[in-house]
C-alpha cells in the first residue's frame, strides 16, 4: 500500500442524507462521519445473489458434487447485493487473490 492510498474511514469526512423538512420538501442534511461512529460496528448481513433456481425435492436429492444447477441469470449479468434482505446495489463477481469477491457497479435507490 502506498502513502497516497486511503487507509480507512476518514472520520472528518461528511455524510449527506436526505430529510423531509417542516414544509414537506426534501432537504440535504450534512453530518460529520464522527457523529455516525456509534453505528460503524453494527453487524449487518450482506448477500450477493448470483441467481435463483426452482426445483423439486427429488431433483434436489439427486444433486452431487460436480452437478450443474441452471440459474435464472446469464453469464456476465449483474448480480444483486442485499444488506439485511434489502436490495442496495448491483455488481459483478471478481477474483481477488484466489477468492471470489463482488464489485459494486450500481447503487439501487431505496423506494419509499
PDB file of N, CA and C in Angstrom:
ATOM      1  N   UNK A   1       0.853  -1.164   0.000  1.00  0.00           N
ATOM      2  CA  UNK A   1       0.000   0.000   0.000  1.00  0.00           C
ATOM      3  C   UNK A   1       0.899   1.227   0.000  1.00  0.00           C
ATOM      4  N   UNK A   2       0.648   2.162  -0.899  1.00  0.00           N
ATOM      5  CA  UNK A   2       1.454   3.369  -0.971  1.00  0.00           C
ATOM      6  C   UNK A   2       0.916   4.415  -0.018  1.00  0.00           C
ATOM      7  N   UNK A   3       1.705   5.453   0.214  1.00  0.00           N
ATOM      8  CA  UNK A   3       1.308   6.523   1.129  1.00  0.00           C
ATOM      9  C   UNK A   3       0.121   7.309   0.591  1.00  0.00           C
ATOM     10  N   UNK A   4      -0.104   7.252  -0.731  1.00  0.00           N
ATOM     11  CA  UNK A   4      -1.196   8.004  -1.343  1.00  0.00           C
ATOM     12  C   UNK A   4      -2.539   7.299  -1.218  1.00  0.00           C
ATOM     13  N   UNK A   5      -2.537   5.994  -0.885  1.00  0.00           N
ATOM     14  CA  UNK A   5      -3.783   5.239  -0.812  1.00  0.00           C
ATOM     15  C   UNK A   5      -4.484   5.500   0.509  1.00  0.00           C
ATOM     16  N   UNK A   6      -5.826   5.564   0.475  1.00  0.00           N
ATOM     17  CA  UNK A   6      -6.552   5.739   1.731  1.00  0.00           C
ATOM     18  C   UNK A   6      -6.382   4.512   2.612  1.00  0.00           C
ATOM     19  N   UNK A   7      -6.313   4.717   3.917  1.00  0.00           N
ATOM     20  CA  UNK A   7      -6.083   3.607   4.828  1.00  0.00           C
ATOM     21  C   UNK A   7      -7.318   3.227   5.624  1.00  0.00           C
ATOM     22  N   UNK A   8      -8.422   3.925   5.483  1.00  0.00           N
ATOM     23  CA  UNK A   8      -9.615   3.582   6.236  1.00  0.00           C
ATOM     24  C   UNK A   8     -10.646   4.673   6.123  1.00  0.00           C
ATOM     25  N   UNK A   9     -11.547   4.717   7.073  1.00  0.00           N
ATOM     26  CA  UNK A   9     -12.630   5.689   7.061  1.00  0.00           C
ATOM     27  C   UNK A   9     -12.112   7.018   7.588  1.00  0.00           C
ATOM     28  N   UNK A  10     -12.365   8.067   6.866  1.00  0.00           N
ATOM     29  CA  UNK A  10     -11.978   9.412   7.280  1.00  0.00           C
ATOM     30  C   UNK A  10     -13.093   9.970   8.149  1.00  0.00           C
ATOM     31  N   UNK A  11     -12.854  10.036   9.462  1.00  0.00           N
ATOM     32  CA  UNK A  11     -13.899  10.472  10.383  1.00  0.00           C
ATOM     33  C   UNK A  11     -14.225  11.948  10.229  1.00  0.00           C
ATOM     34  N   UNK A  12     -13.392  12.695   9.531  1.00  0.00           N
ATOM     35  CA  UNK A  12     -13.661  14.115   9.330  1.00  0.00           C
ATOM     36  C   UNK A  12     -14.472  14.356   8.065  1.00  0.00           C
ATOM     37  N   UNK A  13     -14.688  13.300   7.267  1.00  0.00           N
ATOM     38  CA  UNK A  13     -15.481  13.478   6.062  1.00  0.00           C
ATOM     39  C   UNK A  13     -16.933  13.724   6.446  1.00  0.00           C
ATOM     40  N   UNK A  14     -17.717  14.164   5.498  1.00  0.00           N
ATOM     41  CA  UNK A  14     -19.113  14.460   5.772  1.00  0.00           C
ATOM     42  C   UNK A  14     -20.000  13.490   5.023  1.00  0.00           C
ATOM     43  N   UNK A  15     -21.129  13.194   5.635  1.00  0.00           N
ATOM     44  CA  UNK A  15     -22.109  12.295   5.048  1.00  0.00           C
ATOM     45  C   UNK A  15     -23.359  13.110   4.772  1.00  0.00           C
ATOM     46  N   UNK A  16     -23.861  13.025   3.544  1.00  0.00           N
ATOM     47  CA  UNK A  16     -25.081  13.760   3.203  1.00  0.00           C
ATOM     48  C   UNK A  16     -26.251  12.799   3.276  1.00  0.00           C
ATOM     49  N   UNK A  17     -27.337  13.258   3.817  1.00  0.00           N
ATOM     50  CA  UNK A  17     -28.553  12.457   3.847  1.00  0.00           C
ATOM     51  C   UNK A  17     -29.724  13.363   3.510  1.00  0.00           C
ATOM     52  N   UNK A  18     -30.793  12.731   3.090  1.00  0.00           N
ATOM     53  CA  UNK A  18     -31.990  13.492   2.737  1.00  0.00           C
ATOM     54  C   UNK A  18     -32.956  13.445   3.903  1.00  0.00           C
ATOM     55  N   UNK A  19     -33.530  14.581   4.238  1.00  0.00           N
ATOM     56  CA  UNK A  19     -34.532  14.669   5.300  1.00  0.00           C
ATOM     57  C   UNK A  19     -35.694  15.498   4.815  1.00  0.00           C
ATOM     58  N   UNK A  20     -36.876  15.125   5.258  1.00  0.00           N
ATOM     59  CA  UNK A  20     -38.055  15.900   4.910  1.00  0.00           C
ATOM     60  C   UNK A  20     -38.178  17.035   5.922  1.00  0.00           C
ATOM     61  N   UNK A  21     -38.197  18.267   5.418  1.00  0.00           N
ATOM     62  CA  UNK A  21     -38.288  19.445   6.268  1.00  0.00           C
ATOM     63  C   UNK A  21     -39.713  19.702   6.738  1.00  0.00           C
ATOM     64  N   UNK A  22     -39.886  20.742   7.561  1.00  0.00           N
ATOM     65  CA  UNK A  22     -41.199  21.100   8.080  1.00  0.00           C
ATOM     66  C   UNK A  22     -42.184  21.447   6.971  1.00  0.00           C
ATOM     67  N   UNK A  23     -41.655  21.937   5.850  1.00  0.00           N
ATOM     68  CA  UNK A  23     -42.516  22.310   4.734  1.00  0.00           C
ATOM     69  C   UNK A  23     -42.836  21.128   3.821  1.00  0.00           C
ATOM     70  N   UNK A  24     -42.364  19.911   4.185  1.00  0.00           N
ATOM     71  CA  UNK A  24     -42.655  18.725   3.389  1.00  0.00           C
ATOM     72  C   UNK A  24     -41.653  18.485   2.276  1.00  0.00           C
ATOM     73  N   UNK A  25     -40.733  19.398   2.062  1.00  0.00           N
ATOM     74  CA  UNK A  25     -39.741  19.264   0.998  1.00  0.00           C
ATOM     75  C   UNK A  25     -38.520  18.505   1.507  1.00  0.00           C
ATOM     76  N   UNK A  26     -37.896  17.721   0.602  1.00  0.00           N
ATOM     77  CA  UNK A  26     -36.646  17.054   0.955  1.00  0.00           C
ATOM     78  C   UNK A  26     -35.543  18.087   1.068  1.00  0.00           C
ATOM     79  N   UNK A  27     -34.715  17.957   2.098  1.00  0.00           N
ATOM     80  CA  UNK A  27     -33.588  18.857   2.293  1.00  0.00           C
ATOM     81  C   UNK A  27     -32.343  18.017   2.519  1.00  0.00           C
ATOM     82  N   UNK A  28     -31.209  18.506   2.007  1.00  0.00           N
ATOM     83  CA  UNK A  28     -29.948  17.814   2.236  1.00  0.00           C
ATOM     84  C   UNK A  28     -29.437  18.203   3.614  1.00  0.00           C
ATOM     85  N   UNK A  29     -29.062  17.211   4.403  1.00  0.00           N
ATOM     86  CA  UNK A  29     -28.517  17.448   5.736  1.00  0.00           C
ATOM     87  C   UNK A  29     -27.109  16.882   5.736  1.00  0.00           C
ATOM     88  N   UNK A  30     -26.123  17.680   6.093  1.00  0.00           N
ATOM     89  CA  UNK A  30     -24.749  17.220   6.140  1.00  0.00           C
ATOM     90  C   UNK A  30     -24.379  16.899   7.575  1.00  0.00           C
ATOM     91  N   UNK A  31     -23.828  15.696   7.771  1.00  0.00           N
ATOM     92  CA  UNK A  31     -23.410  15.271   9.107  1.00  0.00           C
ATOM     93  C   UNK A  31     -21.956  14.843   9.033  1.00  0.00           C
ATOM     94  N   UNK A  32     -21.267  15.049  10.104  1.00  0.00           N
ATOM     95  CA  UNK A  32     -19.899  14.570  10.212  1.00  0.00           C
ATOM     96  C   UNK A  32     -19.941  13.058  10.378  1.00  0.00           C
ATOM     97  N   UNK A  33     -19.023  12.348   9.737  1.00  0.00           N
ATOM     98  CA  UNK A  33     -18.964  10.900   9.893  1.00  0.00           C
ATOM     99  C   UNK A  33     -18.683  10.525  11.342  1.00  0.00           C
ATOM    100  N   UNK A  34     -18.046  11.406  12.105  1.00  0.00           N
ATOM    101  CA  UNK A  34     -17.781  11.134  13.516  1.00  0.00           C
ATOM    102  C   UNK A  34     -19.088  10.992  14.294  1.00  0.00           C
ATOM    103  N   UNK A  35     -20.142  11.695  13.871  1.00  0.00           N
ATOM    104  CA  UNK A  35     -21.444  11.581  14.532  1.00  0.00           C
ATOM    105  C   UNK A  35     -22.057  10.198  14.321  1.00  0.00           C
ATOM    106  N   UNK A  36     -21.643   9.514  13.270  1.00  0.00           N
ATOM    107  CA  UNK A  36     -22.183   8.195  12.948  1.00  0.00           C
ATOM    108  C   UNK A  36     -21.292   7.064  13.460  1.00  0.00           C
ATOM    109  N   UNK A  37     -20.223   7.409  14.171  1.00  0.00           N
ATOM    110  CA  UNK A  37     -19.255   6.406  14.615  1.00  0.00           C
ATOM    111  C   UNK A  37     -19.893   5.297  15.442  1.00  0.00           C
ATOM    112  N   UNK A  38     -20.943   5.583  16.161  1.00  0.00           N
ATOM    113  CA  UNK A  38     -21.597   4.576  17.006  1.00  0.00           C
ATOM    114  C   UNK A  38     -22.154   3.413  16.189  1.00  0.00           C
ATOM    115  N   UNK A  39     -22.481   3.623  14.925  1.00  0.00           N
ATOM    116  CA  UNK A  39     -23.060   2.544  14.111  1.00  0.00           C
ATOM    117  C   UNK A  39     -22.020   1.817  13.263  1.00  0.00           C
ATOM    118  N   UNK A  40     -20.758   2.231  13.306  1.00  0.00           N
ATOM    119  CA  UNK A  40     -19.730   1.600  12.477  1.00  0.00           C
ATOM    120  C   UNK A  40     -19.530   0.127  12.803  1.00  0.00           C
ATOM    121  N   UNK A  41     -19.750  -0.287  14.044  1.00  0.00           N
ATOM    122  CA  UNK A  41     -19.522  -1.669  14.449  1.00  0.00           C
ATOM    123  C   UNK A  41     -20.800  -2.500  14.499  1.00  0.00           C
ATOM    124  N   UNK A  42     -21.907  -1.971  13.999  1.00  0.00           N
ATOM    125  CA  UNK A  42     -23.157  -2.731  13.983  1.00  0.00           C
ATOM    126  C   UNK A  42     -23.062  -3.785  12.876  1.00  0.00           C
ATOM    127  N   UNK A  43     -23.227  -5.063  13.236  1.00  0.00           N
ATOM    128  CA  UNK A  43     -23.127  -6.105  12.210  1.00  0.00           C
ATOM    129  C   UNK A  43     -24.349  -6.099  11.284  1.00  0.00           C
ATOM    130  N   UNK A  44     -24.101  -6.336  10.006  1.00  0.00           N
ATOM    131  CA  UNK A  44     -25.164  -6.469   9.011  1.00  0.00           C
ATOM    132  C   UNK A  44     -24.886  -7.725   8.198  1.00  0.00           C
ATOM    133  N   UNK A  45     -25.931  -8.294   7.623  1.00  0.00           N
ATOM    134  CA  UNK A  45     -25.790  -9.469   6.772  1.00  0.00           C
ATOM    135  C   UNK A  45     -25.777  -9.003   5.316  1.00  0.00           C
ATOM    136  N   UNK A  46     -24.701  -9.306   4.601  1.00  0.00           N
ATOM    137  CA  UNK A  46     -24.565  -8.938   3.189  1.00  0.00           C
ATOM    138  C   UNK A  46     -24.656 -10.209   2.359  1.00  0.00           C
ATOM    139  N   UNK A  47     -25.526 -10.190   1.351  1.00  0.00           N
ATOM    140  CA  UNK A  47     -25.709 -11.342   0.465  1.00  0.00           C
ATOM    141  C   UNK A  47     -25.527 -10.898  -0.971  1.00  0.00           C
ATOM    142  N   UNK A  48     -24.814 -11.705  -1.738  1.00  0.00           N
ATOM    143  CA  UNK A  48     -24.662 -11.470  -3.172  1.00  0.00           C
ATOM    144  C   UNK A  48     -25.375 -12.616  -3.887  1.00  0.00           C
ATOM    145  N   UNK A  49     -26.454 -12.301  -4.579  1.00  0.00           N
ATOM    146  CA  UNK A  49     -27.286 -13.321  -5.224  1.00  0.00           C
ATOM    147  C   UNK A  49     -26.845 -13.481  -6.669  1.00  0.00           C
ATOM    148  N   UNK A  50     -26.273 -14.637  -6.973  1.00  0.00           N
ATOM    149  CA  UNK A  50     -25.812 -14.917  -8.332  1.00  0.00           C
ATOM    150  C   UNK A  50     -26.970 -15.280  -9.246  1.00  0.00           C
ATOM    151  N   UNK A  51     -27.997 -15.851  -8.681  1.00  0.00           N
ATOM    152  CA  UNK A  51     -29.158 -16.271  -9.444  1.00  0.00           C
ATOM    153  C   UNK A  51     -30.016 -17.190  -8.598  1.00  0.00           C
ATOM    154  N   UNK A  52     -31.146 -17.574  -9.131  1.00  0.00           N
ATOM    155  CA  UNK A  52     -32.070 -18.445  -8.403  1.00  0.00           C
ATOM    156  C   UNK A  52     -32.483 -19.600  -9.309  1.00  0.00           C
ATOM    157  N   UNK A  53     -32.883 -20.679  -8.656  1.00  0.00           N
ATOM    158  CA  UNK A  53     -33.383 -21.841  -9.382  1.00  0.00           C
ATOM    159  C   UNK A  53     -34.516 -22.451  -8.568  1.00  0.00           C
ATOM    160  N   UNK A  54     -35.468 -23.027  -9.244  1.00  0.00           N
ATOM    161  CA  UNK A  54     -36.580 -23.709  -8.578  1.00  0.00           C
ATOM    162  C   UNK A  54     -36.545 -25.165  -9.037  1.00  0.00           C
ATOM    163  N   UNK A  55     -36.530 -26.068  -8.065  1.00  0.00           N
ATOM    164  CA  UNK A  55     -36.544 -27.478  -8.394  1.00  0.00           C
ATOM    165  C   UNK A  55     -37.239 -28.250  -7.278  1.00  0.00           C
ATOM    166  N   UNK A  56     -37.718 -29.406  -7.622  1.00  0.00           N
ATOM    167  CA  UNK A  56     -38.424 -30.241  -6.665  1.00  0.00           C
ATOM    168  C   UNK A  56     -37.462 -30.931  -5.708  1.00  0.00           C
ATOM    169  N   UNK A  57     -38.011 -31.453  -4.627  1.00  0.00           N
ATOM    170  CA  UNK A  57     -37.194 -32.118  -3.618  1.00  0.00           C
ATOM    171  C   UNK A  57     -36.463 -33.312  -4.223  1.00  0.00           C
ATOM    172  N   UNK A  58     -37.125 -34.064  -5.101  1.00  0.00           N
ATOM    173  CA  UNK A  58     -36.471 -35.234  -5.702  1.00  0.00           C
ATOM    174  C   UNK A  58     -35.257 -34.818  -6.538  1.00  0.00           C
ATOM    175  N   UNK A  59     -35.374 -33.692  -7.256  1.00  0.00           N
ATOM    176  CA  UNK A  59     -34.231 -33.189  -8.032  1.00  0.00           C
ATOM    177  C   UNK A  59     -33.125 -32.695  -7.104  1.00  0.00           C
ATOM    178  N   UNK A  60     -33.500 -32.076  -6.006  1.00  0.00           N
ATOM    179  CA  UNK A  60     -32.529 -31.588  -5.030  1.00  0.00           C
ATOM    180  C   UNK A  60     -31.732 -32.744  -4.434  1.00  0.00           C
ATOM    181  N   UNK A  61     -32.413 -33.843  -4.140  1.00  0.00           N
ATOM    182  CA  UNK A  61     -31.748 -35.001  -3.557  1.00  0.00           C
ATOM    183  C   UNK A  61     -30.793 -35.683  -4.532  1.00  0.00           C
ATOM    184  N   UNK A  62     -30.988 -35.464  -5.833  1.00  0.00           N
ATOM    185  CA  UNK A  62     -30.114 -36.082  -6.835  1.00  0.00           C
ATOM    186  C   UNK A  62     -28.845 -35.265  -7.089  1.00  0.00           C
ATOM    187  N   UNK A  63     -28.755 -34.065  -6.521  1.00  0.00           N
ATOM    188  CA  UNK A  63     -27.554 -33.249  -6.719  1.00  0.00           C
ATOM    189  C   UNK A  63     -26.366 -33.884  -6.011  1.00  0.00           C
ATOM    190  N   UNK A  64     -25.215 -33.827  -6.659  1.00  0.00           N
ATOM    191  CA  UNK A  64     -23.986 -34.390  -6.103  1.00  0.00           C
ATOM    192  C   UNK A  64     -22.845 -33.438  -6.445  1.00  0.00           C
ATOM    193  N   UNK A  65     -21.695 -33.610  -5.817  1.00  0.00           N
ATOM    194  CA  UNK A  65     -20.555 -32.770  -6.193  1.00  0.00           C
ATOM    195  C   UNK A  65     -20.308 -32.837  -7.697  1.00  0.00           C
ATOM    196  N   UNK A  66     -20.164 -31.692  -8.320  1.00  0.00           N
ATOM    197  CA  UNK A  66     -19.963 -31.623  -9.766  1.00  0.00           C
ATOM    198  C   UNK A  66     -21.249 -31.421 -10.548  1.00  0.00           C
ATOM    199  N   UNK A  67     -22.406 -31.498  -9.884  1.00  0.00           N
ATOM    200  CA  UNK A  67     -23.682 -31.266 -10.565  1.00  0.00           C
ATOM    201  C   UNK A  67     -23.760 -29.808 -10.999  1.00  0.00           C
ATOM    202  N   UNK A  68     -24.429 -29.576 -12.111  1.00  0.00           N
ATOM    203  CA  UNK A  68     -24.623 -28.224 -12.616  1.00  0.00           C
ATOM    204  C   UNK A  68     -26.072 -27.836 -12.373  1.00  0.00           C
ATOM    205  N   UNK A  69     -26.250 -26.696 -11.740  1.00  0.00           N
ATOM    206  CA  UNK A  69     -27.579 -26.194 -11.441  1.00  0.00           C
ATOM    207  C   UNK A  69     -27.797 -24.946 -12.290  1.00  0.00           C
ATOM    208  N   UNK A  70     -28.804 -24.973 -13.154  1.00  0.00           N
ATOM    209  CA  UNK A  70     -29.069 -23.842 -14.036  1.00  0.00           C
ATOM    210  C   UNK A  70     -29.782 -22.739 -13.264  1.00  0.00           C
ATOM    211  N   UNK A  71     -29.214 -21.524 -13.305  1.00  0.00           N
ATOM    212  CA  UNK A  71     -29.785 -20.372 -12.621  1.00  0.00           C
ATOM    213  C   UNK A  71     -30.556 -19.505 -13.597  1.00  0.00           C
ATOM    214  N   UNK A  72     -31.329 -18.556 -13.069  1.00  0.00           N
ATOM    215  CA  UNK A  72     -32.166 -17.700 -13.903  1.00  0.00           C
ATOM    216  C   UNK A  72     -31.419 -16.475 -14.455  1.00  0.00           C
ATOM    217  N   UNK A  73     -30.115 -16.442 -14.355  1.00  0.00           N
ATOM    218  CA  UNK A  73     -29.317 -15.318 -14.855  1.00  0.00           C
ATOM    219  C   UNK A  73     -28.343 -15.799 -15.912  1.00  0.00           C
ATOM    220  N   UNK A  74     -27.949 -14.871 -16.770  1.00  0.00           N
ATOM    221  CA  UNK A  74     -26.974 -15.188 -17.807  1.00  0.00           C
ATOM    222  C   UNK A  74     -25.574 -14.850 -17.322  1.00  0.00           C
ATOM    223  N   UNK A  75     -24.576 -15.483 -17.916  1.00  0.00           N
ATOM    224  CA  UNK A  75     -23.183 -15.182 -17.595  1.00  0.00           C
ATOM    225  C   UNK A  75     -22.915 -13.718 -17.927  1.00  0.00           C
ATOM    226  N   UNK A  76     -22.298 -13.003 -17.026  1.00  0.00           N
ATOM    227  CA  UNK A  76     -21.980 -11.599 -17.243  1.00  0.00           C
ATOM    228  C   UNK A  76     -23.069 -10.642 -16.789  1.00  0.00           C
ATOM    229  N   UNK A  77     -24.246 -11.163 -16.462  1.00  0.00           N
ATOM    230  CA  UNK A  77     -25.333 -10.307 -15.996  1.00  0.00           C
ATOM    231  C   UNK A  77     -25.035  -9.858 -14.568  1.00  0.00           C
ATOM    232  N   UNK A  78     -25.448  -8.652 -14.223  1.00  0.00           N
ATOM    233  CA  UNK A  78     -25.189  -8.106 -12.888  1.00  0.00           C
ATOM    234  C   UNK A  78     -25.841  -8.967 -11.811  1.00  0.00           C
ATOM    235  N   UNK A  79     -25.163  -9.074 -10.671  1.00  0.00           N
ATOM    236  CA  UNK A  79     -25.719  -9.800  -9.535  1.00  0.00           C
ATOM    237  C   UNK A  79     -26.341  -8.794  -8.574  1.00  0.00           C
ATOM    238  N   UNK A  80     -27.264  -9.254  -7.756  1.00  0.00           N
ATOM    239  CA  UNK A  80     -27.914  -8.384  -6.772  1.00  0.00           C
ATOM    240  C   UNK A  80     -27.177  -8.474  -5.450  1.00  0.00           C
ATOM    241  N   UNK A  81     -27.006  -7.329  -4.790  1.00  0.00           N
ATOM    242  CA  UNK A  81     -26.348  -7.264  -3.487  1.00  0.00           C
ATOM    243  C   UNK A  81     -27.372  -6.774  -2.478  1.00  0.00           C
ATOM    244  N   UNK A  82     -27.604  -7.593  -1.458  1.00  0.00           N
ATOM    245  CA  UNK A  82     -28.582  -7.284  -0.425  1.00  0.00           C
ATOM    246  C   UNK A  82     -27.861  -7.020   0.894  1.00  0.00           C
ATOM    247  N   UNK A  83     -28.364  -6.068   1.669  1.00  0.00           N
ATOM    248  CA  UNK A  83     -27.919  -5.844   3.039  1.00  0.00           C
ATOM    249  C   UNK A  83     -29.150  -6.012   3.915  1.00  0.00           C
ATOM    250  N   UNK A  84     -29.082  -6.977   4.831  1.00  0.00           N
ATOM    251  CA  UNK A  84     -30.228  -7.309   5.685  1.00  0.00           C
ATOM    252  C   UNK A  84     -31.502  -7.502   4.868  1.00  0.00           C
ATOM    253  N   UNK A  85     -31.414  -8.300   3.819  1.00  0.00           N
ATOM    254  CA  UNK A  85     -32.542  -8.664   2.953  1.00  0.00           C
ATOM    255  C   UNK A  85     -33.132  -7.491   2.174  1.00  0.00           C
ATOM    256  N   UNK A  86     -32.393  -6.409   2.032  1.00  0.00           N
ATOM    257  CA  UNK A  86     -32.860  -5.250   1.261  1.00  0.00           C
ATOM    258  C   UNK A  86     -31.893  -5.016   0.104  1.00  0.00           C
ATOM    259  N   UNK A  87     -32.428  -4.971  -1.126  1.00  0.00           N
ATOM    260  CA  UNK A  87     -31.604  -4.746  -2.302  1.00  0.00           C
ATOM    261  C   UNK A  87     -30.980  -3.357  -2.229  1.00  0.00           C
ATOM    262  N   UNK A  88     -29.645  -3.284  -2.236  1.00  0.00           N
ATOM    263  CA  UNK A  88     -28.973  -1.993  -2.141  1.00  0.00           C
ATOM    264  C   UNK A  88     -28.085  -1.686  -3.339  1.00  0.00           C
ATOM    265  N   UNK A  89     -27.663  -2.733  -4.073  1.00  0.00           N
ATOM    266  CA  UNK A  89     -26.733  -2.477  -5.183  1.00  0.00           C
ATOM    267  C   UNK A  89     -26.742  -3.650  -6.152  1.00  0.00           C
ATOM    268  N   UNK A  90     -26.103  -3.426  -7.282  1.00  0.00           N
ATOM    269  CA  UNK A  90     -25.834  -4.481  -8.258  1.00  0.00           C
ATOM    270  C   UNK A  90     -24.339  -4.480  -8.510  1.00  0.00           C
ATOM    271  N   UNK A  91     -23.816  -5.612  -8.915  1.00  0.00           N
ATOM    272  CA  UNK A  91     -22.376  -5.675  -9.097  1.00  0.00           C
ATOM    273  C   UNK A  91     -21.948  -6.828  -9.970  1.00  0.00           C
ATOM    274  N   UNK A  92     -20.627  -7.047  -9.965  1.00  0.00           N
ATOM    275  CA  UNK A  92     -20.009  -8.106 -10.756  1.00  0.00           C
ATOM    276  C   UNK A  92     -19.153  -8.970  -9.845  1.00  0.00           C
ATOM    277  N   UNK A  93     -19.057 -10.246 -10.186  1.00  0.00           N
ATOM    278  CA  UNK A  93     -18.187 -11.153  -9.454  1.00  0.00           C
ATOM    279  C   UNK A  93     -16.756 -10.934  -9.942  1.00  0.00           C
ATOM    280  N   UNK A  94     -15.815 -10.843  -9.000  1.00  0.00           N
ATOM    281  CA  UNK A  94     -14.402 -10.668  -9.334  1.00  0.00           C
ATOM    282  C   UNK A  94     -13.587 -11.703  -8.567  1.00  0.00           C
ATOM    283  N   UNK A  95     -12.386 -11.956  -9.028  1.00  0.00           N
ATOM    284  CA  UNK A  95     -11.465 -12.864  -8.362  1.00  0.00           C
ATOM    285  C   UNK A  95     -10.374 -12.021  -7.725  1.00  0.00           C
ATOM    286  N   UNK A  96     -10.212 -12.141  -6.391  1.00  0.00           N
ATOM    287  CA  UNK A  96      -9.212 -11.375  -5.652  1.00  0.00           C
ATOM    288  C   UNK A  96      -8.356 -12.360  -4.870  1.00  0.00           C
ATOM    289  N   UNK A  97      -7.104 -12.505  -5.261  1.00  0.00           N
ATOM    290  CA  UNK A  97      -6.179 -13.410  -4.579  1.00  0.00           C
ATOM    291  C   UNK A  97      -6.793 -14.791  -4.356  1.00  0.00           C
ATOM    292  N   UNK A  98      -7.272 -15.411  -5.412  1.00  0.00           N
ATOM    293  CA  UNK A  98      -7.859 -16.755  -5.388  1.00  0.00           C
ATOM    294  C   UNK A  98      -9.143 -16.863  -4.579  1.00  0.00           C
ATOM    295  N   UNK A  99      -9.797 -15.746  -4.281  1.00  0.00           N
ATOM    296  CA  UNK A  99     -11.080 -15.750  -3.595  1.00  0.00           C
ATOM    297  C   UNK A  99     -12.080 -14.963  -4.427  1.00  0.00           C
ATOM    298  N   UNK A 100     -13.340 -15.367  -4.344  1.00  0.00           N
ATOM    299  CA  UNK A 100     -14.389 -14.637  -5.044  1.00  0.00           C
ATOM    300  C   UNK A 100     -14.732 -13.373  -4.270  1.00  0.00           C
ATOM    301  N   UNK A 101     -15.001 -12.312  -5.000  1.00  0.00           N
ATOM    302  CA  UNK A 101     -15.430 -11.062  -4.400  1.00  0.00           C
ATOM    303  C   UNK A 101     -16.493 -10.431  -5.267  1.00  0.00           C
ATOM    304  N   UNK A 102     -16.989  -9.296  -4.840  1.00  0.00           N
ATOM    305  CA  UNK A 102     -18.026  -8.591  -5.583  1.00  0.00           C
ATOM    306  C   UNK A 102     -17.622  -7.124  -5.704  1.00  0.00           C
ATOM    307  N   UNK A 103     -17.723  -6.590  -6.899  1.00  0.00           N
ATOM    308  CA  UNK A 103     -17.519  -5.167  -7.132  1.00  0.00           C
ATOM    309  C   UNK A 103     -18.866  -4.530  -7.374  1.00  0.00           C
ATOM    310  N   UNK A 104     -19.204  -3.502  -6.592  1.00  0.00           N
ATOM    311  CA  UNK A 104     -20.477  -2.807  -6.795  1.00  0.00           C
ATOM    312  C   UNK A 104     -20.363  -1.906  -8.017  1.00  0.00           C
ATOM    313  N   UNK A 105     -21.302  -2.038  -8.926  1.00  0.00           N
ATOM    314  CA  UNK A 105     -21.301  -1.225 -10.139  1.00  0.00           C
ATOM    315  C   UNK A 105     -22.456  -0.237 -10.179  1.00  0.00           C
ATOM    316  N   UNK A 106     -23.469  -0.474  -9.340  1.00  0.00           N
ATOM    317  CA  UNK A 106     -24.645   0.393  -9.348  1.00  0.00           C
ATOM    318  C   UNK A 106     -25.291   0.369  -7.965  1.00  0.00           C
ATOM    319  N   UNK A 107     -25.588   1.546  -7.425  1.00  0.00           N
ATOM    320  CA  UNK A 107     -26.305   1.649  -6.164  1.00  0.00           C
ATOM    321  C   UNK A 107     -27.799   1.778  -6.505  1.00  0.00           C
ATOM    322  N   UNK A 108     -28.619   0.960  -5.849  1.00  0.00           N
ATOM    323  CA  UNK A 108     -30.059   0.975  -6.104  1.00  0.00           C
ATOM    324  C   UNK A 108     -30.707   1.937  -5.136  1.00  0.00           C
ATOM    325  N   UNK A 109     -31.466   2.888  -5.669  1.00  0.00           N
ATOM    326  CA  UNK A 109     -32.154   3.857  -4.816  1.00  0.00           C
ATOM    327  C   UNK A 109     -33.255   3.170  -4.045  1.00  0.00           C
ATOM    328  N   UNK A 110     -33.398   3.562  -2.776  1.00  0.00           N
ATOM    329  CA  UNK A 110     -34.434   2.998  -1.924  1.00  0.00           C
ATOM    330  C   UNK A 110     -35.796   3.534  -2.346  1.00  0.00           C
ATOM    331  N   UNK A 111     -36.775   2.652  -2.416  1.00  0.00           N
ATOM    332  CA  UNK A 111     -38.133   3.073  -2.732  1.00  0.00           C
ATOM    333  C   UNK A 111     -38.866   3.345  -1.435  1.00  0.00           C
ATOM    334  N   UNK A 112     -39.549   4.456  -1.338  1.00  0.00           N
ATOM    335  CA  UNK A 112     -40.270   4.797  -0.096  1.00  0.00           C
ATOM    336  C   UNK A 112     -41.731   4.939  -0.374  1.00  0.00           C
TER     337      UNK A 112
END
